[in-house]
Amino acid sequence: MGDIYGRKRIFQYGLIIFTISSLLSDFTPSGEMFFIIRIFQATGNAMIFANLNAMISSVFPENQREKAFGLTSMGVLVRILN
């Protein structure tokens, strides 16, 4: 999708979908509604992370990509471990 519609656009839509669904998940009245909102959240998350590596590889030169991928992965892992 990023190659067809633009990586930046898909990344931005993913951020919007993820943020809105994260906020809505706090106010769900039932488990079923929470599950449905989590599906939207996962979709936004996929839109973000599927384009992230492609965007990094297109911006950084070959000799600096390892560092950029490492820093991105480290940021994600720090968030998961907390």
PDB file of N, CA and C in Angstrom:
ATOM      1  N   MET A   1       0.819  -1.196   0.000  1.00  0.00           N
ATOM      2  CA  MET A   1       0.000   0.000   0.000  1.00  0.00           C
ATOM      3  C   MET A   1       0.858   1.252   0.000  1.00  0.00           C
ATOM      4  N   GLY A   2       1.971   1.194   0.719  1.00  0.00           N
ATOM      5  CA  GLY A   2       2.845   2.354   0.776  1.00  0.00           C
ATOM      6  C   GLY A   2       3.451   2.703  -0.564  1.00  0.00           C
ATOM      7  N   ASP A   3       3.776   1.689  -1.352  1.00  0.00           N
ATOM      8  CA  ASP A   3       4.341   1.949  -2.675  1.00  0.00           C
ATOM      9  C   ASP A   3       3.282   2.482  -3.634  1.00  0.00           C
ATOM     10  N   ILE A   4       2.038   2.093  -3.443  1.00  0.00           N
ATOM     11  CA  ILE A   4       0.971   2.524  -4.341  1.00  0.00           C
ATOM     12  C   ILE A   4       0.455   3.910  -3.958  1.00  0.00           C
ATOM     13  N   TYR A   5       0.137   4.107  -2.683  1.00  0.00           N
ATOM     14  CA  TYR A   5      -0.499   5.346  -2.232  1.00  0.00           C
ATOM     15  C   TYR A   5       0.449   6.344  -1.593  1.00  0.00           C
ATOM     16  N   GLY A   6       1.681   5.942  -1.367  1.00  0.00           N
ATOM     17  CA  GLY A   6       2.653   6.832  -0.740  1.00  0.00           C
ATOM     18  C   GLY A   6       2.924   6.402   0.695  1.00  0.00           C
ATOM     19  N   ARG A   7       4.176   6.215   1.001  1.00  0.00           N
ATOM     20  CA  ARG A   7       4.554   5.743   2.336  1.00  0.00           C
ATOM     21  C   ARG A   7       4.181   6.739   3.423  1.00  0.00           C
ATOM     22  N   LYS A   8       4.419   8.006   3.149  1.00  0.00           N
ATOM     23  CA  LYS A   8       4.130   9.026   4.153  1.00  0.00           C
ATOM     24  C   LYS A   8       2.639   9.081   4.461  1.00  0.00           C
ATOM     25  N   ARG A   9       1.805   9.014   3.434  1.00  0.00           N
ATOM     26  CA  ARG A   9       0.358   9.078   3.628  1.00  0.00           C
ATOM     27  C   ARG A   9      -0.144   7.877   4.442  1.00  0.00           C
ATOM     28  N   ILE A  10       0.314   6.681   4.108  1.00  0.00           N
ATOM     29  CA  ILE A  10      -0.107   5.481   4.838  1.00  0.00           C
ATOM     30  C   ILE A  10       0.404   5.539   6.273  1.00  0.00           C
ATOM     31  N   PHE A  11       1.617   6.011   6.462  1.00  0.00           N
ATOM     32  CA  PHE A  11       2.180   6.153   7.810  1.00  0.00           C
ATOM     33  C   PHE A  11       1.344   7.128   8.637  1.00  0.00           C
ATOM     34  N   GLN A  12       0.992   8.257   8.048  1.00  0.00           N
ATOM     35  CA  GLN A  12       0.190   9.250   8.767  1.00  0.00           C
ATOM     36  C   GLN A  12      -1.209   8.724   9.088  1.00  0.00           C
ATOM     37  N   TYR A  13      -1.839   8.060   8.134  1.00  0.00           N
ATOM     38  CA  TYR A  13      -3.160   7.475   8.399  1.00  0.00           C
ATOM     39  C   TYR A  13      -3.066   6.412   9.496  1.00  0.00           C
ATOM     40  N   GLY A  14      -1.977   5.645   9.477  1.00  0.00           N
ATOM     41  CA  GLY A  14      -1.771   4.651  10.525  1.00  0.00           C
ATOM     42  C   GLY A  14      -1.654   5.288  11.898  1.00  0.00           C
ATOM     43  N   LEU A  15      -0.923   6.401  11.982  1.00  0.00           N
ATOM     44  CA  LEU A  15      -0.804   7.124  13.255  1.00  0.00           C
ATOM     45  C   LEU A  15      -2.157   7.637  13.737  1.00  0.00           C
ATOM     46  N   ILE A  16      -2.937   8.161  12.811  1.00  0.00           N
ATOM     47  CA  ILE A  16      -4.258   8.684  13.173  1.00  0.00           C
ATOM     48  C   ILE A  16      -5.167   7.564  13.652  1.00  0.00           C
ATOM     49  N   ILE A  17      -5.217   6.475  12.899  1.00  0.00           N
ATOM     50  CA  ILE A  17      -6.073   5.343  13.276  1.00  0.00           C
ATOM     51  C   ILE A  17      -5.638   4.770  14.613  1.00  0.00           C
ATOM     52  N   PHE A  18      -4.330   4.583  14.803  1.00  0.00           N
ATOM     53  CA  PHE A  18      -3.828   4.025  16.056  1.00  0.00           C
ATOM     54  C   PHE A  18      -4.131   4.938  17.243  1.00  0.00           C
ATOM     55  N   THR A  19      -3.922   6.236  17.076  1.00  0.00           N
ATOM     56  CA  THR A  19      -4.152   7.178  18.175  1.00  0.00           C
ATOM     57  C   THR A  19      -5.621   7.249  18.558  1.00  0.00           C
ATOM     58  N   ILE A  20      -6.492   7.369  17.574  1.00  0.00           N
ATOM     59  CA  ILE A  20      -7.930   7.463  17.867  1.00  0.00           C
ATOM     60  C   ILE A  20      -8.436   6.172  18.499  1.00  0.00           C
ATOM     61  N   SER A  21      -8.026   5.025  17.958  1.00  0.00           N
ATOM     62  CA  SER A  21      -8.498   3.766  18.531  1.00  0.00           C
ATOM     63  C   SER A  21      -7.925   3.536  19.930  1.00  0.00           C
ATOM     64  N   SER A  22      -6.717   4.019  20.192  1.00  0.00           N
ATOM     65  CA  SER A  22      -6.161   3.907  21.545  1.00  0.00           C
ATOM     66  C   SER A  22      -6.963   4.742  22.539  1.00  0.00           C
ATOM     67  N   LEU A  23      -7.342   5.938  22.128  1.00  0.00           N
ATOM     68  CA  LEU A  23      -8.157   6.780  23.011  1.00  0.00           C
ATOM     69  C   LEU A  23      -9.549   6.184  23.219  1.00  0.00           C
ATOM     70  N   LEU A  24     -10.133   5.650  22.163  1.00  0.00           N
ATOM     71  CA  LEU A  24     -11.467   5.062  22.276  1.00  0.00           C
ATOM     72  C   LEU A  24     -11.486   3.798  23.126  1.00  0.00           C
ATOM     73  N   SER A  25     -10.383   3.081  23.142  1.00  0.00           N
ATOM     74  CA  SER A  25     -10.349   1.833  23.913  1.00  0.00           C
ATOM     75  C   SER A  25     -10.497   2.079  25.414  1.00  0.00           C
ATOM     76  N   ASP A  26     -10.176   3.271  25.857  1.00  0.00           N
ATOM     77  CA  ASP A  26     -10.340   3.590  27.284  1.00  0.00           C
ATOM     78  C   ASP A  26     -11.804   3.755  27.690  1.00  0.00           C
ATOM     79  N   PHE A  27     -12.654   4.027  26.735  1.00  0.00           N
ATOM     80  CA  PHE A  27     -14.046   4.347  27.056  1.00  0.00           C
ATOM     81  C   PHE A  27     -15.042   3.314  26.535  1.00  0.00           C
ATOM     82  N   THR A  28     -14.594   2.089  26.279  1.00  0.00           N
ATOM     83  CA  THR A  28     -15.502   1.077  25.756  1.00  0.00           C
ATOM     84  C   THR A  28     -16.388   0.526  26.858  1.00  0.00           C
ATOM     85  N   PRO A  29     -17.683   0.370  26.575  1.00  0.00           N
ATOM     86  CA  PRO A  29     -18.594  -0.133  27.589  1.00  0.00           C
ATOM     87  C   PRO A  29     -18.633  -1.660  27.686  1.00  0.00           C
ATOM     88  N   SER A  30     -18.121  -2.371  26.672  1.00  0.00           N
ATOM     89  CA  SER A  30     -18.218  -3.833  26.696  1.00  0.00           C
ATOM     90  C   SER A  30     -16.950  -4.461  26.129  1.00  0.00           C
ATOM     91  N   GLY A  31     -16.814  -5.740  26.372  1.00  0.00           N
ATOM     92  CA  GLY A  31     -15.664  -6.470  25.869  1.00  0.00           C
ATOM     93  C   GLY A  31     -15.682  -6.616  24.360  1.00  0.00           C
ATOM     94  N   GLU A  32     -16.880  -6.765  23.793  1.00  0.00           N
ATOM     95  CA  GLU A  32     -16.986  -6.899  22.341  1.00  0.00           C
ATOM     96  C   GLU A  32     -16.539  -5.621  21.635  1.00  0.00           C
ATOM     97  N   MET A  33     -16.956  -4.494  22.164  1.00  0.00           N
ATOM     98  CA  MET A  33     -16.569  -3.213  21.575  1.00  0.00           C
ATOM     99  C   MET A  33     -15.063  -2.994  21.720  1.00  0.00           C
ATOM    100  N   PHE A  34     -14.514  -3.394  22.845  1.00  0.00           N
ATOM    101  CA  PHE A  34     -13.076  -3.289  23.068  1.00  0.00           C
ATOM    102  C   PHE A  34     -12.315  -4.126  22.034  1.00  0.00           C
ATOM    103  N   PHE A  35     -12.819  -5.324  21.760  1.00  0.00           N
ATOM    104  CA  PHE A  35     -12.185  -6.204  20.775  1.00  0.00           C
ATOM    105  C   PHE A  35     -12.217  -5.581  19.383  1.00  0.00           C
ATOM    106  N   ILE A  36     -13.328  -4.991  19.008  1.00  0.00           N
ATOM    107  CA  ILE A  36     -13.453  -4.353  17.696  1.00  0.00           C
ATOM    108  C   ILE A  36     -12.493  -3.170  17.578  1.00  0.00           C
ATOM    109  N   ILE A  37     -12.397  -2.373  18.631  1.00  0.00           N
ATOM    110  CA  ILE A  37     -11.485  -1.230  18.605  1.00  0.00           C
ATOM    111  C   ILE A  37     -10.036  -1.700  18.548  1.00  0.00           C
ATOM    112  N   ARG A  38      -9.727  -2.809  19.213  1.00  0.00           N
ATOM    113  CA  ARG A  38      -8.371  -3.356  19.151  1.00  0.00           C
ATOM    114  C   ARG A  38      -8.006  -3.815  17.736  1.00  0.00           C
ATOM    115  N   ILE A  39      -9.000  -4.245  16.955  1.00  0.00           N
ATOM    116  CA  ILE A  39      -8.736  -4.604  15.565  1.00  0.00           C
ATOM    117  C   ILE A  39      -8.315  -3.362  14.777  1.00  0.00           C
ATOM    118  N   PHE A  40      -9.001  -2.237  15.001  1.00  0.00           N
ATOM    119  CA  PHE A  40      -8.601  -0.984  14.355  1.00  0.00           C
ATOM    120  C   PHE A  40      -7.218  -0.551  14.817  1.00  0.00           C
ATOM    121  N   GLN A  41      -6.936  -0.743  16.088  1.00  0.00           N
ATOM    122  CA  GLN A  41      -5.635  -0.374  16.622  1.00  0.00           C
ATOM    123  C   GLN A  41      -4.534  -1.214  15.968  1.00  0.00           C
ATOM    124  N   ALA A  42      -4.783  -2.489  15.799  1.00  0.00           N
ATOM    125  CA  ALA A  42      -3.798  -3.358  15.149  1.00  0.00           C
ATOM    126  C   ALA A  42      -3.595  -2.981  13.684  1.00  0.00           C
ATOM    127  N   THR A  43      -4.676  -2.559  13.018  1.00  0.00           N
ATOM    128  CA  THR A  43      -4.566  -2.122  11.629  1.00  0.00           C
ATOM    129  C   THR A  43      -3.692  -0.878  11.523  1.00  0.00           C
ATOM    130  N   GLY A  44      -3.922   0.095  12.402  1.00  0.00           N
ATOM    131  CA  GLY A  44      -3.083   1.295  12.421  1.00  0.00           C
ATOM    132  C   GLY A  44      -1.638   0.969  12.726  1.00  0.00           C
ATOM    133  N   ASN A  45      -1.416   0.055  13.656  1.00  0.00           N
ATOM    134  CA  ASN A  45      -0.066  -0.361  14.013  1.00  0.00           C
ATOM    135  C   ASN A  45       0.631  -1.013  12.823  1.00  0.00           C
ATOM    136  N   ALA A  46      -0.080  -1.839  12.083  1.00  0.00           N
ATOM    137  CA  ALA A  46       0.497  -2.474  10.896  1.00  0.00           C
ATOM    138  C   ALA A  46       0.841  -1.437   9.833  1.00  0.00           C
ATOM    139  N   MET A  47       0.000  -0.426   9.692  1.00  0.00           N
ATOM    140  CA  MET A  47       0.270   0.627   8.711  1.00  0.00           C
ATOM    141  C   MET A  47       1.520   1.418   9.093  1.00  0.00           C
ATOM    142  N   ILE A  48       1.732   1.598  10.377  1.00  0.00           N
ATOM    143  CA  ILE A  48       2.907   2.333  10.846  1.00  0.00           C
ATOM    144  C   ILE A  48       4.171   1.515  10.622  1.00  0.00           C
ATOM    145  N   PHE A  49       4.214   0.306  11.160  1.00  0.00           N
ATOM    146  CA  PHE A  49       5.460  -0.452  11.166  1.00  0.00           C
ATOM    147  C   PHE A  49       5.780  -1.095   9.827  1.00  0.00           C
ATOM    148  N   ALA A  50       4.802  -1.318   8.979  1.00  0.00           N
ATOM    149  CA  ALA A  50       5.106  -1.846   7.647  1.00  0.00           C
ATOM    150  C   ALA A  50       5.828  -0.801   6.810  1.00  0.00           C
ATOM    151  N   ASN A  51       5.524   0.447   7.014  1.00  0.00           N
ATOM    152  CA  ASN A  51       6.161   1.518   6.242  1.00  0.00           C
ATOM    153  C   ASN A  51       7.416   2.063   6.899  1.00  0.00           C
ATOM    154  N   LEU A  52       7.577   1.842   8.175  1.00  0.00           N
ATOM    155  CA  LEU A  52       8.704   2.424   8.893  1.00  0.00           C
ATOM    156  C   LEU A  52      10.042   1.968   8.324  1.00  0.00           C
ATOM    157  N   ASN A  53      10.229   0.669   8.129  1.00  0.00           N
ATOM    158  CA  ASN A  53      11.499   0.172   7.605  1.00  0.00           C
ATOM    159  C   ASN A  53      11.737   0.623   6.173  1.00  0.00           C
ATOM    160  N   ALA A  54      10.676   0.682   5.378  1.00  0.00           N
ATOM    161  CA  ALA A  54      10.831   1.165   4.002  1.00  0.00           C
ATOM    162  C   ALA A  54      11.225   2.636   3.986  1.00  0.00           C
ATOM    163  N   MET A  55      10.645   3.421   4.875  1.00  0.00           N
ATOM    164  CA  MET A  55      10.987   4.841   4.941  1.00  0.00           C
ATOM    165  C   MET A  55      12.416   5.034   5.415  1.00  0.00           C
ATOM    166  N   ILE A  56      12.843   4.254   6.391  1.00  0.00           N
ATOM    167  CA  ILE A  56      14.213   4.362   6.894  1.00  0.00           C
ATOM    168  C   ILE A  56      15.213   3.985   5.807  1.00  0.00           C
ATOM    169  N   SER A  57      14.935   2.890   5.086  1.00  0.00           N
ATOM    170  CA  SER A  57      15.890   2.460   4.067  1.00  0.00           C
ATOM    171  C   SER A  57      15.954   3.427   2.884  1.00  0.00           C
ATOM    172  N   SER A  58      14.890   4.191   2.656  1.00  0.00           N
ATOM    173  CA  SER A  58      14.938   5.146   1.555  1.00  0.00           C
ATOM    174  C   SER A  58      15.581   6.475   1.951  1.00  0.00           C
ATOM    175  N   VAL A  59      15.648   6.766   3.243  1.00  0.00           N
ATOM    176  CA  VAL A  59      16.195   8.044   3.697  1.00  0.00           C
ATOM    177  C   VAL A  59      17.682   7.949   4.018  1.00  0.00           C
ATOM    178  N   PHE A  60      18.092   6.878   4.687  1.00  0.00           N
ATOM    179  CA  PHE A  60      19.483   6.760   5.137  1.00  0.00           C
ATOM    180  C   PHE A  60      20.346   6.114   4.060  1.00  0.00           C
ATOM    181  N   PRO A  61      21.607   6.550   3.947  1.00  0.00           N
ATOM    182  CA  PRO A  61      22.521   5.879   3.019  1.00  0.00           C
ATOM    183  C   PRO A  61      22.856   4.474   3.524  1.00  0.00           C
ATOM    184  N   GLU A  62      23.378   3.641   2.643  1.00  0.00           N
ATOM    185  CA  GLU A  62      23.619   2.233   2.980  1.00  0.00           C
ATOM    186  C   GLU A  62      24.527   2.047   4.185  1.00  0.00           C
ATOM    187  N   ASN A  63      25.507   2.885   4.347  1.00  0.00           N
ATOM    188  CA  ASN A  63      26.453   2.697   5.453  1.00  0.00           C
ATOM    189  C   ASN A  63      25.884   3.139   6.808  1.00  0.00           C
ATOM    190  N   GLN A  64      24.730   3.787   6.840  1.00  0.00           N
ATOM    191  CA  GLN A  64      24.128   4.215   8.109  1.00  0.00           C
ATOM    192  C   GLN A  64      22.802   3.512   8.409  1.00  0.00           C
ATOM    193  N   ARG A  65      22.359   2.634   7.537  1.00  0.00           N
ATOM    194  CA  ARG A  65      21.069   1.972   7.734  1.00  0.00           C
ATOM    195  C   ARG A  65      21.063   1.061   8.944  1.00  0.00           C
ATOM    196  N   GLU A  66      22.181   0.372   9.196  1.00  0.00           N
ATOM    197  CA  GLU A  66      22.221  -0.533  10.350  1.00  0.00           C
ATOM    198  C   GLU A  66      21.966   0.231  11.642  1.00  0.00           C
ATOM    199  N   LYS A  67      22.590   1.391  11.759  1.00  0.00           N
ATOM    200  CA  LYS A  67      22.416   2.209  12.948  1.00  0.00           C
ATOM    201  C   LYS A  67      20.963   2.697  13.071  1.00  0.00           C
ATOM    202  N   ALA A  68      20.383   3.118  11.956  1.00  0.00           N
ATOM    203  CA  ALA A  68      19.003   3.608  11.976  1.00  0.00           C
ATOM    204  C   ALA A  68      18.020   2.491  12.335  1.00  0.00           C
ATOM    205  N   PHE A  69      18.206   1.313  11.742  1.00  0.00           N
ATOM    206  CA  PHE A  69      17.336   0.180  12.082  1.00  0.00           C
ATOM    207  C   PHE A  69      17.518  -0.240  13.535  1.00  0.00           C
ATOM    208  N   GLY A  70      18.757  -0.209  14.002  1.00  0.00           N
ATOM    209  CA  GLY A  70      19.029  -0.569  15.394  1.00  0.00           C
ATOM    210  C   GLY A  70      18.384   0.389  16.377  1.00  0.00           C
ATOM    211  N   LEU A  71      18.476   1.686  16.103  1.00  0.00           N
ATOM    212  CA  LEU A  71      17.862   2.679  16.996  1.00  0.00           C
ATOM    213  C   LEU A  71      16.335   2.567  16.998  1.00  0.00           C
ATOM    214  N   THR A  72      15.760   2.313  15.837  1.00  0.00           N
ATOM    215  CA  THR A  72      14.316   2.142  15.758  1.00  0.00           C
ATOM    216  C   THR A  72      13.880   0.907  16.531  1.00  0.00           C
ATOM    217  N   SER A  73      14.586  -0.194  16.342  1.00  0.00           N
ATOM    218  CA  SER A  73      14.250  -1.427  17.057  1.00  0.00           C
ATOM    219  C   SER A  73      14.434  -1.264  18.552  1.00  0.00           C
ATOM    220  N   MET A  74      15.467  -0.554  18.948  1.00  0.00           N
ATOM    221  CA  MET A  74      15.716  -0.339  20.364  1.00  0.00           C
ATOM    222  C   MET A  74      14.578   0.484  20.972  1.00  0.00           C
ATOM    223  N   GLY A  75      14.095   1.496  20.263  1.00  0.00           N
ATOM    224  CA  GLY A  75      12.985   2.288  20.777  1.00  0.00           C
ATOM    225  C   GLY A  75      11.718   1.458  20.964  1.00  0.00           C
ATOM    226  N   VAL A  76      11.464   0.556  20.040  1.00  0.00           N
ATOM    227  CA  VAL A  76      10.280  -0.307  20.144  1.00  0.00           C
ATOM    228  C   VAL A  76      10.451  -1.280  21.316  1.00  0.00           C
ATOM    229  N   LEU A  77      11.630  -1.873  21.450  1.00  0.00           N
ATOM    230  CA  LEU A  77      11.849  -2.839  22.515  1.00  0.00           C
ATOM    231  C   LEU A  77      11.814  -2.191  23.898  1.00  0.00           C
ATOM    232  N   VAL A  78      12.336  -0.985  24.019  1.00  0.00           N
ATOM    233  CA  VAL A  78      12.270  -0.288  25.308  1.00  0.00           C
ATOM    234  C   VAL A  78      10.826  -0.064  25.707  1.00  0.00           C
ATOM    235  N   ARG A  79      10.003   0.290  24.742  1.00  0.00           N
ATOM    236  CA  ARG A  79       8.582   0.494  25.012  1.00  0.00           C
ATOM    237  C   ARG A  79       7.902  -0.808  25.422  1.00  0.00           C
ATOM    238  N   ILE A  80       8.254  -1.914  24.792  1.00  0.00           N
ATOM    239  CA  ILE A  80       7.646  -3.210  25.104  1.00  0.00           C
ATOM    240  C   ILE A  80       8.069  -3.675  26.498  1.00  0.00           C
ATOM    241  N   LEU A  81       9.319  -3.471  26.838  1.00  0.00           N
ATOM    242  CA  LEU A  81       9.821  -3.975  28.115  1.00  0.00           C
ATOM    243  C   LEU A  81       9.345  -3.148  29.315  1.00  0.00           C
ATOM    244  N   ASN A  82       8.874  -1.955  29.096  1.00  0.00           N
ATOM    245  CA  ASN A  82       8.397  -1.139  30.218  1.00  0.00           C
ATOM    246  C   ASN A  82       7.020  -1.483  30.571  1.00  0.00           C
TER     247      ASN A  82
END
